[in-house]
Amino acid sequence: MRIYKILPRAEWTAAHEVRRFEGSAIDRQDGFIHFSTAAQAQETAAKHFAGQTDLVVLEVEADDLGAALRWEASRGGALFPHLYGPLEASLVRYVTDAPLGDDQVPQVGTLV
């Protein structure tokens, strides 16, 4: 199963240069890197990234993350993937743009 991380392009560029992503400010505050499933990603974009430009979406295979990935209840009891540790850049399968739609919500595209 693929999981997704939405973040500013500058954060990904910096992480890619050092070959690991330690998390955004909210991730570090919460103690884990927040991910979403394909079904959750657009709602995550609307709730946490509305109005933000120059975002990207990282696509990662959940099984590649091993025991550091935990599925934990969040919004309305839905299980969300949380990574307890850094994300190695080599595990990112795809990076895609998330441009703002007419509603000012980043469009994460059709995630499968």
N, C-alpha and C. Protein backbone atom coordinates (compact mmCIF):
# COMPACT_ATOMS: atom_id res chain seq x y z
N MET A 1 0.83 -1.17 0.00
CA MET A 1 0.00 0.00 0.00
C MET A 1 0.88 1.24 0.00
N ARG A 2 0.51 2.20 -0.81
CA ARG A 2 1.24 3.47 -0.86
C ARG A 2 0.63 4.46 0.13
N ILE A 3 1.50 5.27 0.74
CA ILE A 3 1.07 6.34 1.62
C ILE A 3 1.72 7.63 1.13
N TYR A 4 1.19 8.77 1.61
CA TYR A 4 1.55 10.05 1.01
C TYR A 4 1.85 11.10 2.08
N LYS A 5 2.82 11.95 1.78
CA LYS A 5 3.20 13.05 2.65
C LYS A 5 3.15 14.33 1.83
N ILE A 6 2.37 15.30 2.29
CA ILE A 6 2.28 16.61 1.65
C ILE A 6 3.21 17.55 2.40
N LEU A 7 4.02 18.30 1.68
CA LEU A 7 4.94 19.22 2.32
C LEU A 7 5.40 20.29 1.35
N PRO A 8 5.92 21.40 1.87
CA PRO A 8 6.47 22.43 0.99
C PRO A 8 7.67 21.90 0.19
N ARG A 9 7.73 22.31 -1.05
CA ARG A 9 8.83 21.89 -1.93
C ARG A 9 10.20 22.18 -1.30
N ALA A 10 10.35 23.33 -0.66
CA ALA A 10 11.64 23.69 -0.06
C ALA A 10 12.06 22.69 1.01
N GLU A 11 11.11 22.18 1.78
CA GLU A 11 11.45 21.18 2.80
C GLU A 11 11.92 19.89 2.14
N TRP A 12 11.26 19.50 1.06
CA TRP A 12 11.67 18.27 0.38
C TRP A 12 13.03 18.46 -0.28
N THR A 13 13.26 19.61 -0.89
CA THR A 13 14.55 19.88 -1.54
C THR A 13 15.68 19.79 -0.51
N ALA A 14 15.49 20.40 0.66
CA ALA A 14 16.50 20.34 1.72
C ALA A 14 16.71 18.91 2.20
N ALA A 15 15.62 18.18 2.39
CA ALA A 15 15.72 16.79 2.85
C ALA A 15 16.41 15.92 1.80
N HIS A 16 16.07 16.13 0.55
CA HIS A 16 16.65 15.33 -0.53
C HIS A 16 18.17 15.52 -0.58
N GLU A 17 18.61 16.75 -0.32
CA GLU A 17 20.05 17.03 -0.35
C GLU A 17 20.81 16.25 0.72
N VAL A 18 20.18 16.05 1.88
CA VAL A 18 20.85 15.31 2.97
C VAL A 18 20.39 13.85 3.03
N ARG A 19 19.52 13.49 2.08
CA ARG A 19 19.06 12.11 1.87
C ARG A 19 18.14 11.58 2.96
N ARG A 20 17.53 12.49 3.76
CA ARG A 20 16.55 12.05 4.75
C ARG A 20 15.68 13.23 5.17
N PHE A 21 14.42 12.91 5.45
CA PHE A 21 13.45 13.90 5.89
C PHE A 21 13.16 13.64 7.36
N GLU A 22 13.45 14.63 8.18
CA GLU A 22 13.26 14.51 9.62
C GLU A 22 11.87 14.95 10.06
N GLY A 23 11.08 15.47 9.12
CA GLY A 23 9.73 15.91 9.42
C GLY A 23 9.59 17.41 9.37
N SER A 24 8.36 17.84 9.12
CA SER A 24 8.01 19.26 9.17
C SER A 24 7.92 19.67 10.64
N ALA A 25 7.73 20.94 10.89
CA ALA A 25 7.63 21.44 12.27
C ALA A 25 6.55 20.70 13.06
N ILE A 26 5.38 20.50 12.47
CA ILE A 26 4.29 19.80 13.18
C ILE A 26 4.65 18.34 13.44
N ASP A 27 5.36 17.73 12.51
CA ASP A 27 5.79 16.34 12.71
C ASP A 27 6.73 16.25 13.91
N ARG A 28 7.71 17.12 13.94
CA ARG A 28 8.68 17.10 15.04
C ARG A 28 7.99 17.40 16.37
N GLN A 29 7.03 18.30 16.35
CA GLN A 29 6.27 18.62 17.57
C GLN A 29 5.49 17.40 18.06
N ASP A 30 4.88 16.66 17.13
CA ASP A 30 4.06 15.50 17.49
C ASP A 30 4.89 14.24 17.74
N GLY A 31 6.14 14.22 17.30
CA GLY A 31 7.01 13.08 17.54
C GLY A 31 6.96 12.01 16.48
N PHE A 32 6.33 12.30 15.35
CA PHE A 32 6.26 11.35 14.23
C PHE A 32 5.96 12.12 12.95
N ILE A 33 6.23 11.49 11.81
CA ILE A 33 5.93 12.09 10.51
C ILE A 33 4.53 11.65 10.11
N HIS A 34 3.68 12.64 9.86
CA HIS A 34 2.30 12.39 9.44
C HIS A 34 2.24 11.98 7.97
N PHE A 35 1.55 10.90 7.69
CA PHE A 35 1.26 10.47 6.32
C PHE A 35 -0.24 10.32 6.18
N SER A 36 -0.70 10.16 4.96
CA SER A 36 -2.11 9.89 4.66
C SER A 36 -2.18 8.77 3.64
N THR A 37 -3.30 8.06 3.65
CA THR A 37 -3.56 7.11 2.57
C THR A 37 -4.07 7.91 1.37
N ALA A 38 -4.23 7.25 0.24
CA ALA A 38 -4.77 7.92 -0.94
C ALA A 38 -6.16 8.47 -0.65
N ALA A 39 -6.97 7.72 0.09
CA ALA A 39 -8.33 8.16 0.40
C ALA A 39 -8.35 9.34 1.37
N GLN A 40 -7.30 9.54 2.15
CA GLN A 40 -7.25 10.60 3.15
C GLN A 40 -6.53 11.86 2.67
N ALA A 41 -5.74 11.75 1.63
CA ALA A 41 -4.83 12.83 1.24
C ALA A 41 -5.52 14.14 0.87
N GLN A 42 -6.61 14.10 0.13
CA GLN A 42 -7.26 15.35 -0.27
C GLN A 42 -7.85 16.07 0.94
N GLU A 43 -8.40 15.32 1.88
CA GLU A 43 -8.93 15.93 3.10
C GLU A 43 -7.78 16.53 3.93
N THR A 44 -6.67 15.84 3.98
CA THR A 44 -5.50 16.37 4.68
C THR A 44 -5.05 17.68 4.03
N ALA A 45 -5.03 17.71 2.70
CA ALA A 45 -4.65 18.92 1.98
C ALA A 45 -5.58 20.08 2.34
N ALA A 46 -6.88 19.81 2.38
CA ALA A 46 -7.86 20.85 2.69
C ALA A 46 -7.73 21.34 4.12
N LYS A 47 -7.53 20.41 5.03
CA LYS A 47 -7.50 20.75 6.46
C LYS A 47 -6.21 21.45 6.88
N HIS A 48 -5.09 21.04 6.35
CA HIS A 48 -3.80 21.52 6.84
C HIS A 48 -3.00 22.38 5.87
N PHE A 49 -3.37 22.41 4.59
CA PHE A 49 -2.54 23.09 3.61
C PHE A 49 -3.28 24.09 2.72
N ALA A 50 -4.54 24.40 3.04
CA ALA A 50 -5.32 25.33 2.22
C ALA A 50 -4.58 26.67 2.08
N GLY A 51 -4.55 27.17 0.87
CA GLY A 51 -3.92 28.45 0.59
C GLY A 51 -2.41 28.41 0.44
N GLN A 52 -1.78 27.28 0.72
CA GLN A 52 -0.33 27.17 0.61
C GLN A 52 0.07 26.79 -0.81
N THR A 53 1.08 27.44 -1.30
CA THR A 53 1.56 27.17 -2.66
C THR A 53 2.89 26.43 -2.61
N ASP A 54 3.30 25.95 -3.77
CA ASP A 54 4.58 25.28 -3.96
C ASP A 54 4.74 24.06 -3.04
N LEU A 55 3.70 23.23 -3.05
CA LEU A 55 3.71 21.99 -2.28
C LEU A 55 3.99 20.80 -3.19
N VAL A 56 4.52 19.75 -2.59
CA VAL A 56 4.70 18.48 -3.29
C VAL A 56 4.08 17.36 -2.46
N VAL A 57 3.86 16.24 -3.13
CA VAL A 57 3.35 15.04 -2.46
C VAL A 57 4.37 13.94 -2.67
N LEU A 58 4.84 13.37 -1.55
CA LEU A 58 5.75 12.23 -1.61
C LEU A 58 4.94 10.95 -1.57
N GLU A 59 5.31 10.00 -2.39
CA GLU A 59 4.64 8.69 -2.41
C GLU A 59 5.64 7.65 -1.92
N VAL A 60 5.21 6.89 -0.91
CA VAL A 60 6.08 5.91 -0.27
C VAL A 60 5.34 4.60 -0.12
N GLU A 61 6.03 3.49 -0.30
CA GLU A 61 5.44 2.17 -0.07
C GLU A 61 5.48 1.92 1.45
N ALA A 62 4.30 1.74 2.04
CA ALA A 62 4.21 1.58 3.50
C ALA A 62 5.08 0.43 4.00
N ASP A 63 5.10 -0.67 3.30
CA ASP A 63 5.89 -1.84 3.74
C ASP A 63 7.39 -1.56 3.80
N ASP A 64 7.86 -0.57 3.04
CA ASP A 64 9.28 -0.24 3.04
C ASP A 64 9.72 0.42 4.35
N LEU A 65 8.76 0.90 5.15
CA LEU A 65 9.09 1.64 6.36
C LEU A 65 9.23 0.77 7.60
N GLY A 66 8.85 -0.49 7.49
CA GLY A 66 9.05 -1.44 8.58
C GLY A 66 8.29 -1.09 9.84
N ALA A 67 8.86 -1.48 10.97
CA ALA A 67 8.21 -1.33 12.27
C ALA A 67 8.09 0.12 12.72
N ALA A 68 8.83 1.03 12.09
CA ALA A 68 8.74 2.45 12.47
C ALA A 68 7.41 3.07 12.05
N LEU A 69 6.68 2.39 11.14
CA LEU A 69 5.38 2.89 10.70
C LEU A 69 4.28 2.28 11.56
N ARG A 70 3.47 3.14 12.14
CA ARG A 70 2.35 2.69 12.95
C ARG A 70 1.06 3.30 12.43
N TRP A 71 -0.02 2.52 12.48
CA TRP A 71 -1.34 3.00 12.07
C TRP A 71 -2.09 3.38 13.34
N GLU A 72 -2.41 4.67 13.46
CA GLU A 72 -3.01 5.16 14.69
C GLU A 72 -4.28 5.96 14.40
N ALA A 73 -5.23 5.86 15.33
CA ALA A 73 -6.51 6.56 15.19
C ALA A 73 -6.29 8.07 15.24
N SER A 74 -6.99 8.76 14.36
CA SER A 74 -6.95 10.21 14.32
C SER A 74 -8.35 10.68 13.96
N ARG A 75 -8.45 11.66 13.07
CA ARG A 75 -9.73 12.23 12.65
C ARG A 75 -10.87 11.23 12.66
N GLY A 76 -11.81 11.40 13.55
CA GLY A 76 -13.00 10.56 13.55
C GLY A 76 -12.72 9.09 13.75
N GLY A 77 -11.57 8.75 14.31
CA GLY A 77 -11.24 7.36 14.55
C GLY A 77 -10.58 6.65 13.38
N ALA A 78 -10.42 7.34 12.24
CA ALA A 78 -9.76 6.73 11.08
C ALA A 78 -8.30 6.46 11.41
N LEU A 79 -7.77 5.37 10.89
CA LEU A 79 -6.36 5.03 11.10
C LEU A 79 -5.49 5.77 10.08
N PHE A 80 -4.50 6.48 10.61
CA PHE A 80 -3.55 7.21 9.77
C PHE A 80 -2.16 6.62 9.97
N PRO A 81 -1.35 6.60 8.90
CA PRO A 81 0.02 6.12 9.03
C PRO A 81 0.93 7.19 9.62
N HIS A 82 1.66 6.82 10.66
CA HIS A 82 2.60 7.71 11.33
C HIS A 82 3.97 7.04 11.37
N LEU A 83 4.98 7.75 10.92
CA LEU A 83 6.34 7.22 10.88
C LEU A 83 7.12 7.75 12.07
N TYR A 84 7.56 6.84 12.92
CA TYR A 84 8.36 7.19 14.10
C TYR A 84 9.83 7.05 13.76
N GLY A 85 10.37 8.09 13.17
CA GLY A 85 11.75 8.11 12.74
C GLY A 85 11.84 8.88 11.44
N PRO A 86 13.04 9.11 10.96
CA PRO A 86 13.20 9.86 9.71
C PRO A 86 12.79 9.03 8.51
N LEU A 87 12.45 9.73 7.44
CA LEU A 87 12.15 9.10 6.16
C LEU A 87 13.39 9.19 5.29
N GLU A 88 13.93 8.05 4.94
CA GLU A 88 15.09 8.03 4.04
C GLU A 88 14.63 8.43 2.63
N ALA A 89 15.31 9.38 2.02
CA ALA A 89 14.92 9.88 0.70
C ALA A 89 14.87 8.77 -0.34
N SER A 90 15.70 7.77 -0.20
CA SER A 90 15.73 6.67 -1.17
C SER A 90 14.44 5.86 -1.18
N LEU A 91 13.62 5.99 -0.15
CA LEU A 91 12.36 5.23 -0.07
C LEU A 91 11.20 5.95 -0.75
N VAL A 92 11.42 7.20 -1.16
CA VAL A 92 10.36 7.95 -1.84
C VAL A 92 10.28 7.49 -3.28
N ARG A 93 9.11 6.94 -3.64
CA ARG A 93 8.94 6.39 -4.99
C ARG A 93 8.69 7.47 -6.04
N TYR A 94 7.83 8.44 -5.68
CA TYR A 94 7.47 9.53 -6.60
C TYR A 94 7.31 10.81 -5.82
N VAL A 95 7.58 11.92 -6.50
CA VAL A 95 7.32 13.25 -5.96
C VAL A 95 6.51 13.99 -7.03
N THR A 96 5.31 14.46 -6.64
CA THR A 96 4.46 15.17 -7.59
C THR A 96 4.06 16.52 -7.03
N ASP A 97 3.75 17.44 -7.92
CA ASP A 97 3.29 18.76 -7.52
C ASP A 97 1.88 18.69 -6.97
N ALA A 98 1.54 19.63 -6.09
CA ALA A 98 0.19 19.76 -5.54
C ALA A 98 -0.25 21.21 -5.70
N PRO A 99 -0.63 21.61 -6.93
CA PRO A 99 -1.01 23.00 -7.18
C PRO A 99 -2.35 23.34 -6.52
N LEU A 100 -2.53 24.62 -6.23
CA LEU A 100 -3.80 25.06 -5.65
C LEU A 100 -4.92 24.99 -6.69
N GLY A 101 -6.06 24.49 -6.24
CA GLY A 101 -7.25 24.49 -7.08
C GLY A 101 -7.98 25.81 -6.94
N ASP A 102 -9.08 25.96 -7.66
CA ASP A 102 -9.87 27.19 -7.59
C ASP A 102 -10.38 27.47 -6.18
N ASP A 103 -10.52 26.42 -5.37
CA ASP A 103 -11.00 26.55 -3.98
C ASP A 103 -9.86 26.84 -3.00
N GLN A 104 -8.64 27.06 -3.51
CA GLN A 104 -7.44 27.34 -2.72
C GLN A 104 -6.96 26.14 -1.91
N VAL A 105 -7.41 24.95 -2.29
CA VAL A 105 -6.95 23.71 -1.67
C VAL A 105 -5.97 23.03 -2.61
N PRO A 106 -4.81 22.62 -2.10
CA PRO A 106 -3.86 21.90 -2.95
C PRO A 106 -4.51 20.64 -3.53
N GLN A 107 -4.29 20.44 -4.81
CA GLN A 107 -4.84 19.28 -5.49
C GLN A 107 -3.78 18.19 -5.50
N VAL A 108 -4.05 17.11 -4.78
CA VAL A 108 -3.07 16.05 -4.66
C VAL A 108 -3.16 15.05 -5.80
N GLY A 109 -4.04 15.31 -6.75
CA GLY A 109 -4.14 14.44 -7.91
C GLY A 109 -4.87 13.15 -7.59
N THR A 110 -4.85 12.27 -8.53
CA THR A 110 -5.48 10.98 -8.37
C THR A 110 -4.44 10.01 -7.84
N LEU A 111 -4.55 9.72 -6.56
CA LEU A 111 -3.60 8.80 -5.94
C LEU A 111 -4.18 7.41 -5.97
N VAL A 112 -3.38 6.45 -6.40
CA VAL A 112 -3.84 5.07 -6.45
C VAL A 112 -2.95 4.19 -5.62
